[in-house]
């Protein structure tokens, strides 16, 4: 009821009613906990402690987040929440949503090794130019042979983002691309680390975690931005979330010091969902990306964890994107096959900020003045 009244009054009414909205959320959680009793809520944390993971190996230097009181999750707890627990839960839910409001959504289209004919490029470019980029950033990854053709074709701010680069620059590096060449074409962003270049699907591994860390530093030193891909294969996913986070740490540990939210986008793509038609459920995707963000808070800093954009990728479609983007730790998508279709614009449209996201900066500015 408080939410309905706030939005009915427009932006000014929303800002005035915001404190009451927070109180209402806490009261609702208390009521729900008291009413449902055994089917109430359990409080866990998005701020992890660290414990040694099974993936530490001989080096013993891998750590995993361990949950503690703080974030709302389903449970069959034998008793209801106390007031303090409800307030903590309300704060965690609201906090995650508001932090999302500070991150602009971003959607990428990875054309991979497509299309077969140059004749098809104008149609694909037209699809991208038809996207509304006023509330959502867009980038496109053409195949290497098509990068130059597409470099100046987008009229709505969409960024051409090549699928790879080397870390040596121009020279005797057959089959490679240098960021110096990209910058000469007006390109300012590049994607690296996609699982298909890490050796998935039977393709010869062309990158590992060390070469990717070297490339990222090279890209940033050149004044460019980067989309950095991470993700786990099915075998690791089946071992559970702890195993997934251990693998994410393995893939990111060499780049923690380079993670500048203004210059790096993380694209999380569960490998088992890429091009398979399978997709993580919204709750699975949110659980993993919230855990990655919590991990970054400990491994890097709270500011980096809160500000960095984390995309979800893996069989994203216009049909499933709306529920996915509603999750507070999913900041957009890296889209494969669906980016070659006219309906890609529907994914972009669905990824724009919510009403709350639009109003939050104004509320935040008002609070800072007080």
Protein backbone atom coordinates (compact mmCIF):
# COMPACT_ATOMS: atom_id res chain seq x y z
CA UNK A 1 0.00 0.00 0.00
CA UNK A 2 2.83 2.39 0.88
CA UNK A 3 4.51 1.65 -2.47
CA UNK A 4 1.29 2.23 -4.39
CA UNK A 5 0.69 5.55 -2.68
CA UNK A 6 4.27 6.66 -3.27
CA UNK A 7 4.25 5.95 -7.00
CA UNK A 8 0.77 7.49 -7.43
CA UNK A 9 2.17 10.80 -6.22
CA UNK A 10 4.97 10.89 -8.80
CA UNK A 11 8.70 11.35 -8.13
CA UNK A 12 8.19 13.93 -5.40
CA UNK A 13 5.75 11.69 -3.59
CA UNK A 14 8.10 8.75 -3.94
CA UNK A 15 10.97 10.65 -2.35
CA UNK A 16 8.82 11.91 0.51
CA UNK A 17 7.44 8.43 1.20
CA UNK A 18 10.76 6.59 1.02
CA UNK A 19 11.35 6.36 4.81
CA UNK A 20 7.85 4.93 5.26
CA UNK A 21 8.57 2.37 2.55
CA UNK A 22 11.58 1.12 4.50
CA UNK A 23 9.49 0.84 7.69
CA UNK A 24 6.71 -0.94 5.82
CA UNK A 25 9.10 -3.50 4.44
CA UNK A 26 10.39 -4.31 7.94
CA UNK A 27 6.87 -4.59 9.34
CA UNK A 28 5.82 -6.86 6.48
CA UNK A 29 8.72 -9.19 7.15
CA UNK A 30 7.90 -9.36 10.85
CA UNK A 31 4.28 -10.16 10.06
CA UNK A 32 5.23 -12.81 7.53
CA UNK A 33 7.63 -14.45 9.94
CA UNK A 34 5.12 -14.46 12.79
CA UNK A 35 2.30 -15.76 10.62
CA UNK A 36 4.15 -18.56 8.90
CA UNK A 37 6.16 -19.74 11.89
CA UNK A 38 8.05 -22.80 10.74
CA UNK A 39 7.95 -21.69 7.11
CA UNK A 40 9.48 -18.34 7.93
CA UNK A 41 12.84 -17.02 6.83
CA UNK A 42 16.45 -17.67 7.54
CA UNK A 43 18.92 -14.81 7.63
CA UNK A 44 22.21 -15.30 5.87
CA UNK A 45 24.83 -12.79 4.74
CA UNK A 46 26.04 -11.16 1.56
CA UNK A 47 29.21 -10.16 3.43
CA UNK A 48 31.25 -13.34 3.70
CA UNK A 49 33.77 -14.55 6.17
CA UNK A 50 36.61 -16.42 4.53
CA UNK A 51 37.28 -20.10 4.97
CA UNK A 52 39.74 -22.27 3.13
CA UNK A 53 38.19 -24.00 0.14
CA UNK A 54 38.69 -27.52 -1.11
CA UNK A 55 40.18 -25.98 -4.25
CA UNK A 56 43.16 -24.63 -2.30
CA UNK A 57 45.39 -27.44 -3.44
CA UNK A 58 49.03 -27.42 -2.46
CA UNK A 59 49.28 -23.66 -2.43
CA UNK A 60 46.59 -23.32 0.23
CA UNK A 61 45.79 -19.79 -0.86
CA UNK A 62 42.19 -20.15 -2.02
CA UNK A 63 39.40 -18.95 0.22
CA UNK A 64 35.63 -19.16 0.06
CA UNK A 65 32.86 -16.94 1.46
CA UNK A 66 31.07 -18.36 4.48
CA UNK A 67 27.55 -17.19 5.18
CA UNK A 68 26.60 -15.45 8.41
CA UNK A 69 23.51 -13.46 9.56
CA UNK A 70 22.40 -10.77 7.08
CA UNK A 71 20.58 -11.66 3.80
CA UNK A 72 17.12 -13.12 3.30
CA UNK A 73 16.79 -16.71 2.10
CA UNK A 74 14.08 -19.37 2.27
CA UNK A 75 14.20 -21.74 5.24
CA UNK A 76 12.20 -24.15 7.35
CA UNK A 77 13.40 -22.59 10.58
CA UNK A 78 11.46 -23.83 13.64
CA UNK A 79 10.74 -20.33 14.93
CA UNK A 80 9.76 -16.98 13.43
CA UNK A 81 12.02 -13.94 13.08
CA UNK A 82 12.57 -11.48 15.85
CA UNK A 83 12.31 -7.79 15.15
CA UNK A 84 16.08 -7.44 14.77
CA UNK A 85 16.16 -10.26 12.23
CA UNK A 86 13.33 -8.74 10.22
CA UNK A 87 15.00 -5.35 10.16
CA UNK A 88 18.29 -6.94 9.07
CA UNK A 89 16.50 -8.84 6.33
CA UNK A 90 14.67 -5.73 5.17
CA UNK A 91 17.90 -3.77 5.10
CA UNK A 92 19.66 -6.49 3.09
CA UNK A 93 16.91 -6.79 0.49
CA UNK A 94 16.48 -3.03 0.16
CA UNK A 95 20.23 -2.45 0.16
CA UNK A 96 20.86 -4.89 -2.69
CA UNK A 97 18.09 -3.28 -4.73
CA UNK A 98 19.34 0.25 -4.14
CA UNK A 99 22.94 -0.65 -4.94
CA UNK A 100 21.66 -2.03 -8.24
CA UNK A 101 20.10 1.39 -8.87
CA UNK A 102 23.58 2.92 -9.04
CA UNK A 103 24.72 0.54 -11.81
CA UNK A 104 23.58 1.24 -15.37
CA UNK A 105 22.36 -1.90 -17.18
CA UNK A 106 24.52 -3.13 -20.07
CA UNK A 107 23.69 -5.64 -22.81
CA UNK A 108 26.23 -7.14 -25.19
CA UNK A 109 25.65 -9.05 -28.40
CA UNK A 110 28.33 -11.62 -29.25
CA UNK A 111 28.04 -12.50 -32.93
CA UNK A 112 30.90 -15.01 -32.58
CA UNK A 113 31.84 -16.40 -36.03
CA UNK A 114 28.73 -15.03 -37.74
CA UNK A 115 27.33 -14.14 -40.24
CA UNK A 116 28.61 -16.16 -43.17
CA UNK A 117 28.08 -13.38 -45.69
CA UNK A 118 28.99 -9.70 -45.57
CA UNK A 119 25.61 -9.08 -47.18
CA UNK A 120 23.93 -9.93 -43.88
CA UNK A 121 25.82 -7.31 -41.88
CA UNK A 122 23.67 -4.33 -42.82
CA UNK A 123 20.60 -6.11 -41.46
CA UNK A 124 22.38 -6.96 -38.21
CA UNK A 125 23.62 -3.39 -37.87
CA UNK A 126 20.06 -2.13 -38.43
CA UNK A 127 18.86 -4.40 -35.60
CA UNK A 128 21.36 -2.80 -33.24
CA UNK A 129 20.56 0.73 -34.35
CA UNK A 130 16.89 0.03 -33.62
CA UNK A 131 17.71 -0.57 -29.94
CA UNK A 132 16.82 2.10 -27.41
CA UNK A 133 20.13 2.84 -25.65
CA UNK A 134 18.84 5.76 -23.57
CA UNK A 135 18.51 3.63 -20.44
CA UNK A 136 20.82 0.73 -21.21
CA UNK A 137 24.34 0.55 -22.62
CA UNK A 138 24.85 -1.75 -25.62
CA UNK A 139 27.94 -3.28 -27.17
CA UNK A 140 28.41 -5.68 -30.07
CA UNK A 141 31.18 -8.20 -30.73
CA UNK A 142 31.49 -8.80 -34.49
CA UNK A 143 33.74 -11.51 -35.87
CA UNK A 144 37.31 -10.29 -36.51
CA UNK A 145 36.74 -10.07 -40.28
CA UNK A 146 33.73 -7.80 -39.74
CA UNK A 147 35.05 -5.44 -37.06
CA UNK A 148 36.35 -2.82 -39.52
CA UNK A 149 33.07 -2.79 -41.48
CA UNK A 150 31.00 -2.31 -38.33
CA UNK A 151 33.33 0.14 -36.59
CA UNK A 152 31.49 3.31 -37.62
CA UNK A 153 28.04 1.89 -38.40
CA UNK A 154 26.26 2.24 -35.07
CA UNK A 155 24.37 5.50 -34.62
CA UNK A 156 22.92 5.06 -31.12
CA UNK A 157 26.07 4.81 -29.01
CA UNK A 158 26.41 1.03 -29.22
CA UNK A 159 30.09 0.08 -28.91
CA UNK A 160 31.92 -2.20 -31.32
CA UNK A 161 33.79 -4.58 -29.02
CA UNK A 162 36.20 -7.05 -30.67
CA UNK A 163 36.19 -10.60 -29.32
CA UNK A 164 39.89 -10.72 -28.44
CA UNK A 165 43.25 -8.94 -28.55
CA UNK A 166 46.88 -9.83 -28.00
CA UNK A 167 49.11 -8.34 -25.29
CA UNK A 168 52.12 -7.41 -27.40
CA UNK A 169 50.82 -4.79 -29.81
CA UNK A 170 51.60 -4.74 -33.51
CA UNK A 171 54.36 -6.93 -34.91
CA UNK A 172 55.08 -10.51 -35.95
CA UNK A 173 52.01 -12.04 -34.28
CA UNK A 174 50.17 -13.97 -36.99
CA UNK A 175 46.43 -14.24 -36.50
CA UNK A 176 46.28 -11.66 -33.71
CA UNK A 177 44.71 -8.23 -33.20
CA UNK A 178 46.27 -5.32 -31.31
CA UNK A 179 44.48 -2.64 -29.31
CA UNK A 180 46.51 -0.03 -31.18
CA UNK A 181 44.76 -1.13 -34.38
CA UNK A 182 41.39 -0.97 -32.62
CA UNK A 183 41.99 2.51 -31.29
CA UNK A 184 42.91 3.69 -34.78
CA UNK A 185 39.42 2.59 -35.89
CA UNK A 186 37.79 4.52 -33.05
CA UNK A 187 37.17 1.38 -30.95
CA UNK A 188 37.46 1.83 -27.19
CA UNK A 189 36.44 -1.54 -25.75
CA UNK A 190 37.39 -5.20 -26.17
CA UNK A 191 36.09 -8.52 -24.81
CA UNK A 192 38.41 -11.24 -23.51
CA UNK A 193 38.16 -14.55 -21.66
CA UNK A 194 35.15 -16.11 -23.37
CA UNK A 195 34.92 -19.81 -22.55
CA UNK A 196 35.16 -20.73 -26.23
CA UNK A 197 38.66 -19.26 -26.19
CA UNK A 198 39.49 -20.80 -22.83
CA UNK A 199 39.20 -24.26 -24.39
CA UNK A 200 35.55 -25.25 -24.03
CA UNK A 201 33.63 -27.23 -26.67
CA UNK A 202 36.76 -28.99 -27.90
CA UNK A 203 38.43 -25.84 -29.24
CA UNK A 204 42.17 -25.58 -28.58
CA UNK A 205 42.75 -23.40 -25.48
CA UNK A 206 43.97 -20.03 -26.72
CA UNK A 207 43.97 -18.28 -23.33
CA UNK A 208 44.50 -19.13 -19.67
CA UNK A 209 44.09 -17.11 -16.49
CA UNK A 210 47.64 -15.75 -16.69
CA UNK A 211 47.46 -14.60 -20.31
CA UNK A 212 44.07 -13.02 -19.64
CA UNK A 213 45.41 -11.07 -16.66
CA UNK A 214 48.28 -9.86 -18.84
CA UNK A 215 45.83 -8.86 -21.58
CA UNK A 216 43.59 -6.98 -19.16
CA UNK A 217 46.48 -4.88 -17.89
CA UNK A 218 47.57 -4.22 -21.47
CA UNK A 219 44.04 -3.12 -22.42
CA UNK A 220 43.65 -0.79 -19.44
CA UNK A 221 47.14 0.66 -19.88
CA UNK A 222 46.13 1.51 -23.45
CA UNK A 223 43.21 3.56 -22.13
CA UNK A 224 40.52 1.12 -23.26
CA UNK A 225 37.74 -0.62 -21.35
CA UNK A 226 37.18 -4.37 -21.16
CA UNK A 227 34.47 -6.99 -20.86
CA UNK A 228 36.07 -9.82 -18.87
CA UNK A 229 34.31 -13.21 -19.12
CA UNK A 230 34.23 -15.81 -16.37
CA UNK A 231 32.20 -18.99 -15.89
CA UNK A 232 32.19 -22.59 -14.77
CA UNK A 233 31.62 -25.87 -16.67
CA UNK A 234 28.86 -28.29 -15.79
CA UNK A 235 31.15 -30.56 -13.79
CA UNK A 236 31.92 -27.76 -11.33
CA UNK A 237 28.32 -26.52 -11.14
CA UNK A 238 27.18 -30.00 -10.12
CA UNK A 239 29.47 -29.82 -7.08
CA UNK A 240 27.56 -26.84 -5.70
CA UNK A 241 27.96 -23.12 -5.14
CA UNK A 242 31.15 -23.42 -3.07
CA UNK A 243 32.88 -25.16 -5.98
CA UNK A 244 31.61 -22.51 -8.42
CA UNK A 245 32.98 -19.70 -6.26
CA UNK A 246 36.30 -21.49 -5.89
CA UNK A 247 36.56 -21.62 -9.70
CA UNK A 248 35.59 -17.94 -10.01
CA UNK A 249 38.41 -17.10 -7.58
CA UNK A 250 40.84 -19.13 -9.69
CA UNK A 251 39.77 -17.20 -12.79
CA UNK A 252 39.86 -13.75 -11.16
CA UNK A 253 42.58 -13.87 -8.51
CA UNK A 254 45.20 -12.41 -10.90
CA UNK A 255 42.95 -9.49 -11.89
CA UNK A 256 41.57 -8.35 -8.53
CA UNK A 257 43.93 -5.37 -8.46
CA UNK A 258 42.78 -4.35 -11.95
CA UNK A 259 39.03 -4.32 -11.31
CA UNK A 260 38.05 -0.70 -11.82
CA UNK A 261 34.23 -0.44 -12.18
CA UNK A 262 34.68 2.46 -14.59
CA UNK A 263 36.79 0.35 -16.94
CA UNK A 264 35.88 -3.33 -16.46
CA UNK A 265 32.60 -5.20 -16.93
CA UNK A 266 32.40 -8.78 -15.65
CA UNK A 267 30.38 -11.16 -17.83
CA UNK A 268 29.44 -14.27 -15.86
CA UNK A 269 28.50 -17.10 -18.21
CA UNK A 270 27.93 -20.61 -16.86
CA UNK A 271 29.56 -22.64 -19.61
CA UNK A 272 26.91 -25.36 -19.45
CA UNK A 273 24.27 -22.79 -20.47
CA UNK A 274 26.07 -21.26 -23.49
CA UNK A 275 24.40 -22.25 -26.74
CA UNK A 276 22.75 -25.28 -25.15
CA UNK A 277 19.26 -23.90 -24.71
CA UNK A 278 19.69 -24.46 -20.98
CA UNK A 279 19.61 -21.43 -18.76
CA UNK A 280 20.22 -20.95 -15.07
CA UNK A 281 16.98 -20.19 -13.27
CA UNK A 282 16.69 -16.56 -12.17
CA UNK A 283 17.27 -17.68 -8.59
CA UNK A 284 20.36 -19.71 -9.57
CA UNK A 285 21.81 -16.80 -11.53
CA UNK A 286 21.08 -14.34 -8.73
CA UNK A 287 22.50 -16.64 -6.07
CA UNK A 288 25.76 -17.04 -7.98
CA UNK A 289 26.15 -13.39 -8.94
CA UNK A 290 25.30 -12.21 -5.42
CA UNK A 291 27.95 -14.59 -4.09
CA UNK A 292 30.51 -13.34 -6.64
CA UNK A 293 29.76 -9.75 -5.61
CA UNK A 294 30.10 -10.68 -1.92
CA UNK A 295 33.38 -12.40 -2.70
CA UNK A 296 34.67 -9.26 -4.44
CA UNK A 297 33.77 -7.23 -1.36
CA UNK A 298 36.28 -9.29 0.63
CA UNK A 299 38.88 -9.87 -2.09
CA UNK A 300 38.92 -6.30 -3.47
CA UNK A 301 36.73 -3.70 -1.72
CA UNK A 302 33.13 -2.90 -0.90
CA UNK A 303 33.12 -0.05 -3.43
CA UNK A 304 34.30 -2.25 -6.29
CA UNK A 305 31.81 -4.96 -5.31
CA UNK A 306 28.92 -2.47 -5.20
CA UNK A 307 29.82 -0.53 -8.35
CA UNK A 308 31.07 -3.11 -10.86
CA UNK A 309 28.61 -4.31 -13.50
CA UNK A 310 28.14 -8.09 -13.62
CA UNK A 311 26.30 -9.40 -16.68
CA UNK A 312 24.67 -12.80 -17.00
CA UNK A 313 25.16 -14.84 -20.17
CA UNK A 314 23.97 -18.25 -21.32
CA UNK A 315 20.98 -18.84 -23.65
CA UNK A 316 19.42 -15.46 -22.85
CA UNK A 317 16.22 -14.80 -24.84
CA UNK A 318 13.47 -12.15 -24.94
CA UNK A 319 11.31 -14.64 -23.05
CA UNK A 320 13.57 -15.28 -20.06
CA UNK A 321 15.39 -11.94 -19.77
CA UNK A 322 12.62 -10.03 -17.98
CA UNK A 323 12.68 -12.20 -14.89
CA UNK A 324 16.47 -12.39 -14.89
CA UNK A 325 16.95 -8.61 -15.05
CA UNK A 326 14.61 -8.23 -12.07
CA UNK A 327 17.27 -9.71 -9.81
CA UNK A 328 19.32 -7.08 -7.94
CA UNK A 329 22.76 -8.52 -8.80
CA UNK A 330 22.18 -9.02 -12.54
CA UNK A 331 23.19 -5.86 -14.38
CA UNK A 332 22.43 -6.96 -17.94
CA UNK A 333 23.33 -9.71 -20.37
CA UNK A 334 25.92 -11.05 -22.76
CA UNK A 335 23.78 -12.51 -25.52
CA UNK A 336 24.91 -15.04 -28.11
CA UNK A 337 22.59 -16.47 -30.76
CA UNK A 338 19.68 -14.19 -29.87
CA UNK A 339 21.81 -11.13 -30.72
CA UNK A 340 21.61 -12.16 -34.39
CA UNK A 341 17.82 -11.74 -34.41
CA UNK A 342 15.63 -8.62 -34.64
CA UNK A 343 14.21 -9.46 -31.20
CA UNK A 344 17.55 -8.52 -29.64
CA UNK A 345 16.03 -5.06 -29.21
CA UNK A 346 13.43 -6.62 -26.89
CA UNK A 347 16.20 -7.84 -24.59
CA UNK A 348 17.69 -4.35 -24.55
CA UNK A 349 14.31 -2.77 -23.83
CA UNK A 350 13.62 -5.19 -20.98
CA UNK A 351 17.00 -4.42 -19.42
CA UNK A 352 16.38 -0.74 -18.75
CA UNK A 353 16.29 0.47 -15.13
CA UNK A 354 13.21 0.06 -12.98
CA UNK A 355 11.15 2.96 -11.65
CA UNK A 356 13.03 2.63 -8.36
CA UNK A 357 16.37 2.81 -10.18
CA UNK A 358 15.32 5.99 -11.92
CA UNK A 359 14.19 7.71 -8.73
CA UNK A 360 16.93 6.57 -6.38
CA UNK A 361 19.65 9.04 -7.53
CA UNK A 362 17.31 11.95 -6.86
CA UNK A 363 16.50 10.61 -3.41
CA UNK A 364 20.19 10.02 -2.68
CA UNK A 365 21.04 13.59 -3.70
CA UNK A 366 18.26 14.92 -1.46
CA UNK A 367 19.59 12.97 1.53
CA UNK A 368 23.12 14.24 0.94
CA UNK A 369 21.91 17.84 1.16
CA UNK A 370 20.40 17.30 4.60
